[in-house]
PDB file of N, CA and C in Angstrom:
ATOM      1  N   THR A   1     -32.925   2.554  -9.510  1.00  0.00           N
ATOM      2  CA  THR A   1     -32.717   2.319 -10.910  1.00  0.00           C
ATOM      3  C   THR A   1     -32.265   3.716 -11.519  1.00  0.00           C
ATOM      4  N   SER A   2     -31.323   3.862 -12.153  1.00  0.00           N
ATOM      5  CA  SER A   2     -30.770   5.155 -12.649  1.00  0.00           C
ATOM      6  C   SER A   2     -30.759   5.028 -14.214  1.00  0.00           C
ATOM      7  N   VAL A   3     -31.212   6.233 -14.884  1.00  0.00           N
ATOM      8  CA  VAL A   3     -31.250   6.321 -16.196  1.00  0.00           C
ATOM      9  C   VAL A   3     -30.417   7.407 -16.763  1.00  0.00           C
ATOM     10  N   ILE A   4     -29.726   7.082 -17.891  1.00  0.00           N
ATOM     11  CA  ILE A   4     -28.967   8.144 -18.604  1.00  0.00           C
ATOM     12  C   ILE A   4     -29.623   8.364 -19.900  1.00  0.00           C
ATOM     13  N   SER A   5     -30.192   9.578 -20.323  1.00  0.00           N
ATOM     14  CA  SER A   5     -30.903   9.792 -21.418  1.00  0.00           C
ATOM     15  C   SER A   5     -29.984  10.420 -22.442  1.00  0.00           C
ATOM     16  N   PRO A   6     -29.735   9.720 -23.573  1.00  0.00           N
ATOM     17  CA  PRO A   6     -29.031  10.477 -24.602  1.00  0.00           C
ATOM     18  C   PRO A   6     -30.045  11.263 -25.411  1.00  0.00           C
ATOM     19  N   ILE A   7     -29.355  12.347 -25.903  1.00  0.00           N
ATOM     20  CA  ILE A   7     -30.275  13.273 -26.726  1.00  0.00           C
ATOM     21  C   ILE A   7     -29.479  13.762 -27.910  1.00  0.00           C
ATOM     22  N   LYS A   8     -30.127  13.720 -29.148  1.00  0.00           N
ATOM     23  CA  LYS A   8     -29.594  14.300 -30.253  1.00  0.00           C
ATOM     24  C   LYS A   8     -29.813  15.854 -30.110  1.00  0.00           C
ATOM     25  N   LEU A   9     -28.859  16.718 -30.525  1.00  0.00           N
ATOM     26  CA  LEU A   9     -29.054  18.125 -30.386  1.00  0.00           C
ATOM     27  C   LEU A   9     -29.773  18.648 -31.592  1.00  0.00           C
ATOM     28  N   SER A  10     -31.116  18.622 -31.515  1.00  0.00           N
ATOM     29  CA  SER A  10     -31.898  19.229 -32.432  1.00  0.00           C
ATOM     30  C   SER A  10     -33.131  19.919 -31.786  1.00  0.00           C
ATOM     31  N   SER A  11     -33.657  20.893 -32.479  1.00  0.00           N
ATOM     32  CA  SER A  11     -35.014  21.449 -31.859  1.00  0.00           C
ATOM     33  C   SER A  11     -36.075  20.467 -31.506  1.00  0.00           C
ATOM     34  N   LEU A  12     -36.251  19.524 -32.358  1.00  0.00           N
ATOM     35  CA  LEU A  12     -37.283  18.520 -32.250  1.00  0.00           C
ATOM     36  C   LEU A  12     -37.014  17.561 -31.022  1.00  0.00           C
ATOM     37  N   SER A  13     -35.789  17.251 -30.753  1.00  0.00           N
ATOM     38  CA  SER A  13     -35.390  16.611 -29.476  1.00  0.00           C
ATOM     39  C   SER A  13     -35.571  17.384 -28.322  1.00  0.00           C
ATOM     40  N   LEU A  14     -35.301  18.653 -28.341  1.00  0.00           N
ATOM     41  CA  LEU A  14     -35.628  19.536 -27.219  1.00  0.00           C
ATOM     42  C   LEU A  14     -37.065  19.491 -26.747  1.00  0.00           C
ATOM     43  N   SER A  15     -37.843  19.675 -27.783  1.00  0.00           N
ATOM     44  CA  SER A  15     -39.375  19.556 -27.498  1.00  0.00           C
ATOM     45  C   SER A  15     -39.788  18.158 -26.935  1.00  0.00           C
ATOM     46  N   GLY A  16     -39.075  17.135 -27.323  1.00  0.00           N
ATOM     47  CA  GLY A  16     -39.519  15.857 -26.890  1.00  0.00           C
ATOM     48  C   GLY A  16     -38.888  15.451 -25.461  1.00  0.00           C
ATOM     49  N   LEU A  17     -37.936  16.303 -25.061  1.00  0.00           N
ATOM     50  CA  LEU A  17     -37.349  16.023 -23.713  1.00  0.00           C
ATOM     51  C   LEU A  17     -38.359  16.309 -22.551  1.00  0.00           C
ATOM     52  N   ARG A  18     -39.200  17.174 -22.698  1.00  0.00           N
ATOM     53  CA  ARG A  18     -40.247  17.428 -21.637  1.00  0.00           C
ATOM     54  C   ARG A  18     -41.169  16.095 -21.636  1.00  0.00           C
ATOM     55  N   GLY A  19     -41.553  15.517 -22.683  1.00  0.00           N
ATOM     56  CA  GLY A  19     -42.385  14.396 -22.644  1.00  0.00           C
ATOM     57  C   GLY A  19     -41.628  13.166 -22.008  1.00  0.00           C
ATOM     58  N   HIS A  20     -40.344  13.096 -22.263  1.00  0.00           N
ATOM     59  CA  HIS A  20     -39.483  12.088 -21.726  1.00  0.00           C
ATOM     60  C   HIS A  20     -39.511  12.121 -20.231  1.00  0.00           C
ATOM     61  N   PHE A  21     -39.338  13.307 -19.692  1.00  0.00           N
ATOM     62  CA  PHE A  21     -39.328  13.654 -18.233  1.00  0.00           C
ATOM     63  C   PHE A  21     -40.733  13.283 -17.625  1.00  0.00           C
ATOM     64  N   ASP A  22     -41.788  13.583 -18.395  1.00  0.00           N
ATOM     65  CA  ASP A  22     -43.120  13.289 -17.918  1.00  0.00           C
ATOM     66  C   ASP A  22     -43.313  11.748 -17.771  1.00  0.00           C
ATOM     67  N   ILE A  23     -42.802  11.080 -18.839  1.00  0.00           N
ATOM     68  CA  ILE A  23     -42.897   9.603 -18.803  1.00  0.00           C
ATOM     69  C   ILE A  23     -42.118   9.052 -17.623  1.00  0.00           C
ATOM     70  N   MET A  24     -40.952   9.621 -17.330  1.00  0.00           N
ATOM     71  CA  MET A  24     -40.198   8.980 -16.180  1.00  0.00           C
ATOM     72  C   MET A  24     -40.952   9.339 -14.917  1.00  0.00           C
ATOM     73  N   LYS A  25     -41.610  10.519 -14.706  1.00  0.00           N
ATOM     74  CA  LYS A  25     -42.405  10.800 -13.512  1.00  0.00           C
ATOM     75  C   LYS A  25     -43.538   9.775 -13.347  1.00  0.00           C
ATOM     76  N   SER A  26     -44.174   9.398 -14.430  1.00  0.00           N
ATOM     77  CA  SER A  26     -45.296   8.553 -14.458  1.00  0.00           C
ATOM     78  C   SER A  26     -44.812   7.113 -13.964  1.00  0.00           C
ATOM     79  N   ILE A  27     -43.720   6.582 -14.547  1.00  0.00           N
ATOM     80  CA  ILE A  27     -43.128   5.443 -14.145  1.00  0.00           C
ATOM     81  C   ILE A  27     -42.744   5.407 -12.687  1.00  0.00           C
ATOM     82  N   ARG A  28     -42.192   6.520 -12.170  1.00  0.00           N
ATOM     83  CA  ARG A  28     -41.765   6.612 -10.841  1.00  0.00           C
ATOM     84  C   ARG A  28     -43.032   6.638  -9.847  1.00  0.00           C
ATOM     85  N   ARG A  29     -44.028   7.269 -10.331  1.00  0.00           N
ATOM     86  CA  ARG A  29     -45.307   7.272  -9.466  1.00  0.00           C
ATOM     87  C   ARG A  29     -46.055   5.919  -9.521  1.00  0.00           C
ATOM     88  N   ASN A  30     -46.126   5.230 -10.765  1.00  0.00           N
ATOM     89  CA  ASN A  30     -46.844   4.029 -10.825  1.00  0.00           C
ATOM     90  C   ASN A  30     -46.191   2.700 -10.751  1.00  0.00           C
ATOM     91  N   SER A  31     -44.834   2.647 -10.942  1.00  0.00           N
ATOM     92  CA  SER A  31     -44.315   1.329 -10.908  1.00  0.00           C
ATOM     93  C   SER A  31     -42.891   1.253 -10.318  1.00  0.00           C
ATOM     94  N   ASN A  32     -42.180   2.248 -10.269  1.00  0.00           N
ATOM     95  CA  ASN A  32     -40.709   2.170  -9.888  1.00  0.00           C
ATOM     96  C   ASN A  32     -40.334   3.471  -9.194  1.00  0.00           C
ATOM     97  N   LYS A  33     -40.547   3.495  -7.842  1.00  0.00           N
ATOM     98  CA  LYS A  33     -40.374   4.904  -7.235  1.00  0.00           C
ATOM     99  C   LYS A  33     -38.971   5.077  -6.864  1.00  0.00           C
ATOM    100  N   ASP A  34     -38.132   4.074  -7.260  1.00  0.00           N
ATOM    101  CA  ASP A  34     -36.699   4.253  -7.084  1.00  0.00           C
ATOM    102  C   ASP A  34     -36.072   4.848  -8.394  1.00  0.00           C
ATOM    103  N   LEU A  35     -36.861   4.917  -9.485  1.00  0.00           N
ATOM    104  CA  LEU A  35     -36.213   5.410 -10.886  1.00  0.00           C
ATOM    105  C   LEU A  35     -35.785   6.939 -10.630  1.00  0.00           C
ATOM    106  N   LYS A  36     -34.661   7.124 -11.088  1.00  0.00           N
ATOM    107  CA  LYS A  36     -34.092   8.460 -11.125  1.00  0.00           C
ATOM    108  C   LYS A  36     -33.322   8.729 -12.355  1.00  0.00           C
ATOM    109  N   LEU A  37     -33.285   9.985 -12.802  1.00  0.00           N
ATOM    110  CA  LEU A  37     -32.485  10.436 -13.949  1.00  0.00           C
ATOM    111  C   LEU A  37     -31.080  10.774 -13.494  1.00  0.00           C
ATOM    112  N   LEU A  38     -30.092  10.062 -13.989  1.00  0.00           N
ATOM    113  CA  LEU A  38     -28.804  10.211 -13.582  1.00  0.00           C
ATOM    114  C   LEU A  38     -28.215  11.461 -14.349  1.00  0.00           C
ATOM    115  N   GLY A  39     -28.715  11.559 -15.533  1.00  0.00           N
ATOM    116  CA  GLY A  39     -28.318  12.592 -16.391  1.00  0.00           C
ATOM    117  C   GLY A  39     -28.634  12.527 -17.924  1.00  0.00           C
ATOM    118  N   VAL A  40     -28.457  13.711 -18.547  1.00  0.00           N
ATOM    119  CA  VAL A  40     -28.559  13.692 -20.015  1.00  0.00           C
ATOM    120  C   VAL A  40     -27.334  13.825 -20.686  1.00  0.00           C
ATOM    121  N   VAL A  41     -27.101  13.078 -21.809  1.00  0.00           N
ATOM    122  CA  VAL A  41     -25.806  13.074 -22.498  1.00  0.00           C
ATOM    123  C   VAL A  41     -26.106  13.548 -23.945  1.00  0.00           C
ATOM    124  N   ALA A  42     -25.324  14.466 -24.517  1.00  0.00           N
ATOM    125  CA  ALA A  42     -25.466  14.943 -25.831  1.00  0.00           C
ATOM    126  C   ALA A  42     -24.844  13.785 -26.730  1.00  0.00           C
ATOM    127  N   ASN A  43     -25.682  13.322 -27.694  1.00  0.00           N
ATOM    128  CA  ASN A  43     -25.348  12.256 -28.590  1.00  0.00           C
ATOM    129  C   ASN A  43     -25.229  12.799 -30.010  1.00  0.00           C
ATOM    130  N   LEU A  44     -24.405  12.160 -30.844  1.00  0.00           N
ATOM    131  CA  LEU A  44     -24.367  12.601 -32.241  1.00  0.00           C
ATOM    132  C   LEU A  44     -23.958  14.063 -32.345  1.00  0.00           C
ATOM    133  N   TYR A  45     -23.139  14.536 -31.447  1.00  0.00           N
ATOM    134  CA  TYR A  45     -22.623  16.038 -31.455  1.00  0.00           C
ATOM    135  C   TYR A  45     -21.675  16.229 -32.607  1.00  0.00           C
ATOM    136  N   ASN A  46     -21.832  17.326 -33.192  1.00  0.00           N
ATOM    137  CA  ASN A  46     -20.857  17.783 -34.241  1.00  0.00           C
ATOM    138  C   ASN A  46     -20.457  19.238 -34.043  1.00  0.00           C
ATOM    139  N   ASN A  47     -19.156  19.269 -33.611  1.00  0.00           N
ATOM    140  CA  ASN A  47     -18.762  20.670 -33.176  1.00  0.00           C
ATOM    141  C   ASN A  47     -18.631  21.537 -34.389  1.00  0.00           C
ATOM    142  N   ARG A  48     -18.693  21.159 -35.525  1.00  0.00           N
ATOM    143  CA  ARG A  48     -18.640  21.951 -36.681  1.00  0.00           C
ATOM    144  C   ARG A  48     -20.098  22.600 -37.073  1.00  0.00           C
ATOM    145  N   ARG A  49     -21.068  22.147 -36.288  1.00  0.00           N
ATOM    146  CA  ARG A  49     -22.357  22.737 -36.533  1.00  0.00           C
ATOM    147  C   ARG A  49     -22.642  23.696 -35.326  1.00  0.00           C
ATOM    148  N   SER A  50     -22.717  24.943 -35.672  1.00  0.00           N
ATOM    149  CA  SER A  50     -22.946  25.912 -34.570  1.00  0.00           C
ATOM    150  C   SER A  50     -24.276  25.587 -33.858  1.00  0.00           C
ATOM    151  N   LYS A  51     -25.253  25.128 -34.530  1.00  0.00           N
ATOM    152  CA  LYS A  51     -26.530  24.814 -33.915  1.00  0.00           C
ATOM    153  C   LYS A  51     -26.333  23.789 -32.750  1.00  0.00           C
ATOM    154  N   ASP A  52     -25.461  22.748 -32.842  1.00  0.00           N
ATOM    155  CA  ASP A  52     -25.261  21.885 -31.883  1.00  0.00           C
ATOM    156  C   ASP A  52     -24.670  22.531 -30.550  1.00  0.00           C
ATOM    157  N   SER A  53     -23.728  23.450 -30.734  1.00  0.00           N
ATOM    158  CA  SER A  53     -23.071  24.108 -29.561  1.00  0.00           C
ATOM    159  C   SER A  53     -24.170  25.089 -28.875  1.00  0.00           C
ATOM    160  N   ILE A  54     -25.042  25.707 -29.687  1.00  0.00           N
ATOM    161  CA  ILE A  54     -26.026  26.560 -29.122  1.00  0.00           C
ATOM    162  C   ILE A  54     -27.002  25.745 -28.262  1.00  0.00           C
ATOM    163  N   ILE A  55     -27.573  24.633 -28.871  1.00  0.00           N
ATOM    164  CA  ILE A  55     -28.520  23.850 -28.222  1.00  0.00           C
ATOM    165  C   ILE A  55     -27.880  23.132 -26.979  1.00  0.00           C
ATOM    166  N   TYR A  56     -26.682  22.763 -27.041  1.00  0.00           N
ATOM    167  CA  TYR A  56     -25.930  22.116 -25.866  1.00  0.00           C
ATOM    168  C   TYR A  56     -25.822  23.122 -24.680  1.00  0.00           C
ATOM    169  N   ALA A  57     -25.537  24.432 -25.083  1.00  0.00           N
ATOM    170  CA  ALA A  57     -25.413  25.479 -24.054  1.00  0.00           C
ATOM    171  C   ALA A  57     -26.762  25.605 -23.471  1.00  0.00           C
ATOM    172  N   GLN A  58     -27.881  25.718 -24.228  1.00  0.00           N
ATOM    173  CA  GLN A  58     -29.223  25.793 -23.715  1.00  0.00           C
ATOM    174  C   GLN A  58     -29.514  24.873 -22.682  1.00  0.00           C
ATOM    175  N   LEU A  59     -29.159  23.584 -23.113  1.00  0.00           N
ATOM    176  CA  LEU A  59     -29.471  22.423 -22.168  1.00  0.00           C
ATOM    177  C   LEU A  59     -28.722  22.645 -20.929  1.00  0.00           C
ATOM    178  N   GLN A  60     -27.532  22.916 -20.950  1.00  0.00           N
ATOM    179  CA  GLN A  60     -26.724  23.067 -19.739  1.00  0.00           C
ATOM    180  C   GLN A  60     -27.280  24.193 -18.839  1.00  0.00           C
ATOM    181  N   ASP A  61     -27.862  25.200 -19.415  1.00  0.00           N
ATOM    182  CA  ASP A  61     -28.503  26.273 -18.655  1.00  0.00           C
ATOM    183  C   ASP A  61     -29.781  25.641 -17.974  1.00  0.00           C
ATOM    184  N   GLN A  62     -30.633  24.988 -18.734  1.00  0.00           N
ATOM    185  CA  GLN A  62     -31.878  24.525 -18.262  1.00  0.00           C
ATOM    186  C   GLN A  62     -31.643  23.293 -17.385  1.00  0.00           C
ATOM    187  N   LEU A  63     -30.776  22.410 -17.573  1.00  0.00           N
ATOM    188  CA  LEU A  63     -30.662  21.168 -16.801  1.00  0.00           C
ATOM    189  C   LEU A  63     -29.564  21.239 -15.713  1.00  0.00           C
ATOM    190  N   GLY A  64     -28.599  22.166 -15.808  1.00  0.00           N
ATOM    191  CA  GLY A  64     -27.593  22.285 -14.765  1.00  0.00           C
ATOM    192  C   GLY A  64     -26.768  20.988 -14.658  1.00  0.00           C
ATOM    193  N   ASP A  65     -26.693  20.425 -13.454  1.00  0.00           N
ATOM    194  CA  ASP A  65     -25.943  19.202 -13.230  1.00  0.00           C
ATOM    195  C   ASP A  65     -26.517  17.972 -13.839  1.00  0.00           C
ATOM    196  N   LEU A  66     -27.662  17.998 -14.377  1.00  0.00           N
ATOM    197  CA  LEU A  66     -28.198  16.884 -15.089  1.00  0.00           C
ATOM    198  C   LEU A  66     -27.563  16.663 -16.364  1.00  0.00           C
ATOM    199  N   MET A  67     -27.024  17.658 -16.791  1.00  0.00           N
ATOM    200  CA  MET A  67     -26.354  17.606 -18.228  1.00  0.00           C
ATOM    201  C   MET A  67     -24.931  17.208 -18.057  1.00  0.00           C
ATOM    202  N   PHE A  68     -24.633  16.060 -18.664  1.00  0.00           N
ATOM    203  CA  PHE A  68     -23.218  15.590 -18.736  1.00  0.00           C
ATOM    204  C   PHE A  68     -22.241  16.574 -19.406  1.00  0.00           C
ATOM    205  N   ASN A  69     -21.063  16.768 -18.952  1.00  0.00           N
ATOM    206  CA  ASN A  69     -20.037  17.561 -19.664  1.00  0.00           C
ATOM    207  C   ASN A  69     -19.543  16.927 -20.994  1.00  0.00           C
ATOM    208  N   THR A  70     -19.582  15.695 -20.946  1.00  0.00           N
ATOM    209  CA  THR A  70     -19.075  14.863 -22.078  1.00  0.00           C
ATOM    210  C   THR A  70     -20.112  14.819 -23.264  1.00  0.00           C
ATOM    211  N   ARG A  71     -19.662  15.026 -24.396  1.00  0.00           N
ATOM    212  CA  ARG A  71     -20.505  15.001 -25.552  1.00  0.00           C
ATOM    213  C   ARG A  71     -19.998  13.837 -26.400  1.00  0.00           C
ATOM    214  N   LEU A  72     -20.958  12.995 -26.722  1.00  0.00           N
ATOM    215  CA  LEU A  72     -20.482  11.903 -27.663  1.00  0.00           C
ATOM    216  C   LEU A  72     -20.740  12.334 -29.260  1.00  0.00           C
ATOM    217  N   SER A  73     -19.650  12.410 -29.824  1.00  0.00           N
ATOM    218  CA  SER A  73     -19.598  13.007 -31.239  1.00  0.00           C
ATOM    219  C   SER A  73     -20.112  11.935 -32.217  1.00  0.00           C
ATOM    220  N   ASP A  74     -20.501  12.527 -33.422  1.00  0.00           N
ATOM    221  CA  ASP A  74     -21.093  11.603 -34.447  1.00  0.00           C
ATOM    222  C   ASP A  74     -19.807  10.981 -35.113  1.00  0.00           C
ATOM    223  N   ARG A  75     -19.510   9.879 -34.537  1.00  0.00           N
ATOM    224  CA  ARG A  75     -18.295   9.194 -35.063  1.00  0.00           C
ATOM    225  C   ARG A  75     -18.586   7.649 -35.510  1.00  0.00           C
ATOM    226  N   LEU A  76     -17.935   7.316 -36.532  1.00  0.00           N
ATOM    227  CA  LEU A  76     -18.144   6.045 -37.119  1.00  0.00           C
ATOM    228  C   LEU A  76     -17.788   4.953 -36.107  1.00  0.00           C
ATOM    229  N   PRO A  77     -16.790   4.997 -35.259  1.00  0.00           N
ATOM    230  CA  PRO A  77     -16.543   3.764 -34.280  1.00  0.00           C
ATOM    231  C   PRO A  77     -17.599   3.670 -33.372  1.00  0.00           C
ATOM    232  N   ILE A  78     -18.223   4.681 -32.921  1.00  0.00           N
ATOM    233  CA  ILE A  78     -19.386   4.517 -31.941  1.00  0.00           C
ATOM    234  C   ILE A  78     -20.539   3.916 -32.651  1.00  0.00           C
ATOM    235  N   GLU A  79     -20.814   4.295 -33.842  1.00  0.00           N
ATOM    236  CA  GLU A  79     -21.927   3.610 -34.654  1.00  0.00           C
ATOM    237  C   GLU A  79     -21.523   2.161 -34.874  1.00  0.00           C
ATOM    238  N   GLU A  80     -20.343   1.980 -35.308  1.00  0.00           N
ATOM    239  CA  GLU A  80     -19.944   0.502 -35.614  1.00  0.00           C
ATOM    240  C   GLU A  80     -20.039  -0.325 -34.246  1.00  0.00           C
ATOM    241  N   SER A  81     -19.628   0.246 -33.150  1.00  0.00           N
ATOM    242  CA  SER A  81     -19.698  -0.536 -31.892  1.00  0.00           C
ATOM    243  C   SER A  81     -21.001  -0.993 -31.564  1.00  0.00           C
ATOM    244  N   MET A  82     -22.035   0.065 -31.648  1.00  0.00           N
ATOM    245  CA  MET A  82     -23.423  -0.125 -31.393  1.00  0.00           C
ATOM    246  C   MET A  82     -24.024  -1.138 -32.411  1.00  0.00           C
ATOM    247  N   ASP A  83     -23.794  -1.033 -33.664  1.00  0.00           N
ATOM    248  CA  ASP A  83     -24.273  -1.888 -34.673  1.00  0.00           C
ATOM    249  C   ASP A  83     -23.932  -3.334 -34.485  1.00  0.00           C
ATOM    250  N   LYS A  84     -22.586  -3.594 -34.044  1.00  0.00           N
ATOM    251  CA  LYS A  84     -22.066  -4.936 -33.805  1.00  0.00           C
ATOM    252  C   LYS A  84     -22.270  -5.440 -32.411  1.00  0.00           C
ATOM    253  N   GLY A  85     -22.608  -4.477 -31.413  1.00  0.00           N
ATOM    254  CA  GLY A  85     -22.887  -4.952 -30.183  1.00  0.00           C
ATOM    255  C   GLY A  85     -21.458  -5.235 -29.396  1.00  0.00           C
ATOM    256  N   VAL A  86     -20.422  -4.658 -29.718  1.00  0.00           N
ATOM    257  CA  VAL A  86     -19.229  -4.882 -29.160  1.00  0.00           C
ATOM    258  C   VAL A  86     -18.601  -3.594 -28.697  1.00  0.00           C
ATOM    259  N   PRO A  87     -17.751  -3.717 -27.570  1.00  0.00           N
ATOM    260  CA  PRO A  87     -17.112  -2.454 -27.049  1.00  0.00           C
ATOM    261  C   PRO A  87     -16.217  -1.779 -28.130  1.00  0.00           C
ATOM    262  N   ILE A  88     -16.070  -0.485 -28.066  1.00  0.00           N
ATOM    263  CA  ILE A  88     -15.314   0.247 -29.099  1.00  0.00           C
ATOM    264  C   ILE A  88     -13.902  -0.246 -29.043  1.00  0.00           C
ATOM    265  N   TRP A  89     -13.390  -0.631 -27.939  1.00  0.00           N
ATOM    266  CA  TRP A  89     -11.869  -0.981 -27.890  1.00  0.00           C
ATOM    267  C   TRP A  89     -11.696  -2.411 -28.521  1.00  0.00           C
ATOM    268  N   ASP A  90     -12.761  -3.096 -28.846  1.00  0.00           N
ATOM    269  CA  ASP A  90     -12.573  -4.359 -29.479  1.00  0.00           C
ATOM    270  C   ASP A  90     -12.668  -4.212 -31.085  1.00  0.00           C
ATOM    271  N   LEU A  91     -12.999  -3.056 -31.630  1.00  0.00           N
ATOM    272  CA  LEU A  91     -13.023  -2.949 -32.978  1.00  0.00           C
ATOM    273  C   LEU A  91     -11.664  -2.785 -33.687  1.00  0.00           C
ATOM    274  N   LYS A  92     -11.673  -3.303 -34.847  1.00  0.00           N
ATOM    275  CA  LYS A  92     -10.447  -3.291 -35.636  1.00  0.00           C
ATOM    276  C   LYS A  92     -10.439  -2.068 -36.582  1.00  0.00           C
ATOM    277  N   MET A  93     -10.571  -0.936 -35.883  1.00  0.00           N
ATOM    278  CA  MET A  93     -10.420   0.374 -36.663  1.00  0.00           C
ATOM    279  C   MET A  93      -9.329   1.139 -36.196  1.00  0.00           C
ATOM    280  N   SER A  94      -8.650   1.919 -37.257  1.00  0.00           N
ATOM    281  CA  SER A  94      -7.475   2.582 -36.887  1.00  0.00           C
ATOM    282  C   SER A  94      -7.794   4.050 -36.194  1.00  0.00           C
ATOM    283  N   HIS A  95      -9.037   4.628 -36.385  1.00  0.00           N
ATOM    284  CA  HIS A  95      -9.325   5.922 -35.868  1.00  0.00           C
ATOM    285  C   HIS A  95     -10.366   5.923 -34.906  1.00  0.00           C
ATOM    286  N   LYS A  96     -10.228   5.010 -33.939  1.00  0.00           N
ATOM    287  CA  LYS A  96     -11.249   4.751 -32.827  1.00  0.00           C
ATOM    288  C   LYS A  96     -10.757   5.574 -31.511  1.00  0.00           C
ATOM    289  N   GLU A  97      -9.567   6.267 -31.524  1.00  0.00           N
ATOM    290  CA  GLU A  97      -8.993   6.731 -30.267  1.00  0.00           C
ATOM    291  C   GLU A  97      -9.944   7.886 -29.795  1.00  0.00           C
ATOM    292  N   SER A  98     -10.359   8.848 -30.685  1.00  0.00           N
ATOM    293  CA  SER A  98     -11.147   9.914 -30.131  1.00  0.00           C
ATOM    294  C   SER A  98     -12.462   9.441 -29.572  1.00  0.00           C
ATOM    295  N   ALA A  99     -13.166   8.433 -30.175  1.00  0.00           N
ATOM    296  CA  ALA A  99     -14.216   7.818 -29.662  1.00  0.00           C
ATOM    297  C   ALA A  99     -14.044   7.195 -28.374  1.00  0.00           C
ATOM    298  N   LEU A 100     -12.956   6.510 -28.195  1.00  0.00           N
ATOM    299  CA  LEU A 100     -12.557   5.885 -26.835  1.00  0.00           C
ATOM    300  C   LEU A 100     -12.568   6.841 -25.832  1.00  0.00           C
ATOM    301  N   ILE A 101     -11.906   7.965 -26.163  1.00  0.00           N
ATOM    302  CA  ILE A 101     -11.648   9.130 -25.145  1.00  0.00           C
ATOM    303  C   ILE A 101     -12.973   9.535 -24.601  1.00  0.00           C
ATOM    304  N   GLU A 102     -13.944   9.846 -25.490  1.00  0.00           N
ATOM    305  CA  GLU A 102     -15.236  10.351 -25.203  1.00  0.00           C
ATOM    306  C   GLU A 102     -15.985   9.368 -24.302  1.00  0.00           C
ATOM    307  N   VAL A 103     -15.991   8.165 -24.606  1.00  0.00           N
ATOM    308  CA  VAL A 103     -16.741   7.106 -23.922  1.00  0.00           C
ATOM    309  C   VAL A 103     -16.036   6.881 -22.572  1.00  0.00           C
ATOM    310  N   ASP A 104     -14.718   7.008 -22.528  1.00  0.00           N
ATOM    311  CA  ASP A 104     -14.037   6.954 -21.116  1.00  0.00           C
ATOM    312  C   ASP A 104     -14.457   8.114 -20.285  1.00  0.00           C
ATOM    313  N   ASN A 105     -14.467   9.282 -20.882  1.00  0.00           N
ATOM    314  CA  ASN A 105     -14.800  10.516 -20.124  1.00  0.00           C
ATOM    315  C   ASN A 105     -16.258  10.363 -19.607  1.00  0.00           C
ATOM    316  N   LEU A 106     -17.183   9.975 -20.460  1.00  0.00           N
ATOM    317  CA  LEU A 106     -18.543   9.675 -19.965  1.00  0.00           C
ATOM    318  C   LEU A 106     -18.515   8.769 -18.827  1.00  0.00           C
ATOM    319  N   VAL A 107     -17.952   7.552 -18.941  1.00  0.00           N
ATOM    320  CA  VAL A 107     -17.962   6.501 -17.909  1.00  0.00           C
ATOM    321  C   VAL A 107     -17.375   7.200 -16.568  1.00  0.00           C
ATOM    322  N   SER A 108     -16.362   8.001 -16.715  1.00  0.00           N
ATOM    323  CA  SER A 108     -15.714   8.572 -15.503  1.00  0.00           C
ATOM    324  C   SER A 108     -16.828   9.482 -14.791  1.00  0.00           C
ATOM    325  N   GLU A 109     -17.537  10.264 -15.656  1.00  0.00           N
ATOM    326  CA  GLU A 109     -18.564  11.178 -15.174  1.00  0.00           C
ATOM    327  C   GLU A 109     -19.736  10.398 -14.546  1.00  0.00           C
ATOM    328  N   VAL A 110     -20.123   9.271 -15.126  1.00  0.00           N
ATOM    329  CA  VAL A 110     -21.226   8.416 -14.612  1.00  0.00           C
ATOM    330  C   VAL A 110     -20.737   7.915 -13.284  1.00  0.00           C
ATOM    331  N   LEU A 111     -19.558   7.319 -13.147  1.00  0.00           N
ATOM    332  CA  LEU A 111     -19.036   6.686 -11.891  1.00  0.00           C
ATOM    333  C   LEU A 111     -18.935   7.738 -10.820  1.00  0.00           C
ATOM    334  N   THR A 112     -18.580   8.935 -11.096  1.00  0.00           N
ATOM    335  CA  THR A 112     -18.423  10.091 -10.237  1.00  0.00           C
ATOM    336  C   THR A 112     -19.891  10.402  -9.670  1.00  0.00           C
ATOM    337  N   LYS A 113     -20.822  10.510 -10.502  1.00  0.00           N
ATOM    338  CA  LYS A 113     -22.252  10.774 -10.091  1.00  0.00           C
ATOM    339  C   LYS A 113     -22.806   9.725  -9.281  1.00  0.00           C
ATOM    340  N   VAL A 114     -22.510   8.492  -9.413  1.00  0.00           N
ATOM    341  CA  VAL A 114     -22.914   7.389  -8.676  1.00  0.00           C
ATOM    342  C   VAL A 114     -22.102   7.136  -7.247  1.00  0.00           C
ATOM    343  N   GLY A 115     -20.985   7.930  -7.267  1.00  0.00           N
ATOM    344  CA  GLY A 115     -20.323   7.691  -5.984  1.00  0.00           C
ATOM    345  C   GLY A 115     -19.142   6.662  -6.077  1.00  0.00           C
ATOM    346  N   SER A 116     -18.663   6.323  -7.269  1.00  0.00           N
ATOM    347  CA  SER A 116     -17.572   5.388  -7.457  1.00  0.00           C
ATOM    348  C   SER A 116     -16.333   6.157  -7.944  1.00  0.00           C
ATOM    349  N   GLN A 117     -15.289   5.459  -7.887  1.00  0.00           N
ATOM    350  CA  GLN A 117     -14.157   6.083  -8.409  1.00  0.00           C
ATOM    351  C   GLN A 117     -13.972   5.871  -9.868  1.00  0.00           C
ATOM    352  N   PRO A 118     -13.479   6.901 -10.566  1.00  0.00           N
ATOM    353  CA  PRO A 118     -13.259   6.735 -11.957  1.00  0.00           C
ATOM    354  C   PRO A 118     -12.302   5.551 -12.272  1.00  0.00           C
ATOM    355  N   LEU A 119     -12.501   4.874 -13.378  1.00  0.00           N
ATOM    356  CA  LEU A 119     -11.591   3.711 -13.630  1.00  0.00           C
ATOM    357  C   LEU A 119     -10.122   3.926 -13.476  1.00  0.00           C
ATOM    358  N   GLN A 120      -9.718   4.994 -14.019  1.00  0.00           N
ATOM    359  CA  GLN A 120      -8.101   5.085 -13.846  1.00  0.00           C
ATOM    360  C   GLN A 120      -7.813   5.244 -12.400  1.00  0.00           C
ATOM    361  N   GLU A 121      -8.566   5.720 -11.545  1.00  0.00           N
ATOM    362  CA  GLU A 121      -8.070   5.780 -10.095  1.00  0.00           C
ATOM    363  C   GLU A 121      -8.387   4.549  -9.388  1.00  0.00           C
ATOM    364  N   ALA A 122      -9.274   3.759  -9.937  1.00  0.00           N
ATOM    365  CA  ALA A 122      -9.608   2.441  -9.256  1.00  0.00           C
ATOM    366  C   ALA A 122      -8.597   1.345  -9.512  1.00  0.00           C
ATOM    367  N   VAL A 123      -7.785   1.535 -10.536  1.00  0.00           N
ATOM    368  CA  VAL A 123      -6.847   0.393 -10.899  1.00  0.00           C
ATOM    369  C   VAL A 123      -5.692   0.632 -10.054  1.00  0.00           C
TER     370      VAL A 123
END
């Protein structure tokens, strides 16, 4: 079982990350020895906030390969997709292209980490 942990880039989230890792260790020890952290993805990223870039860089330094390169920005189509429970590409929104690119990049990274071909190469 693999887990991808999204994290909002804030000081409070950083302090909670250690607790998250401790819970995963406990689950692995007590009930699911196959549980593994596939990676951490920055969620609700805003490239106009310098704090987000600073915290992202800190996470990259601390987590190394566990930190996904893709950052999911704070975008309305992603929020709408989650609220409605439908894929982004099914939304009737004119400005969803950037969100689609981010999600596609994350999926490609995930598939690479689990040893599969990225979608565009598999077709």
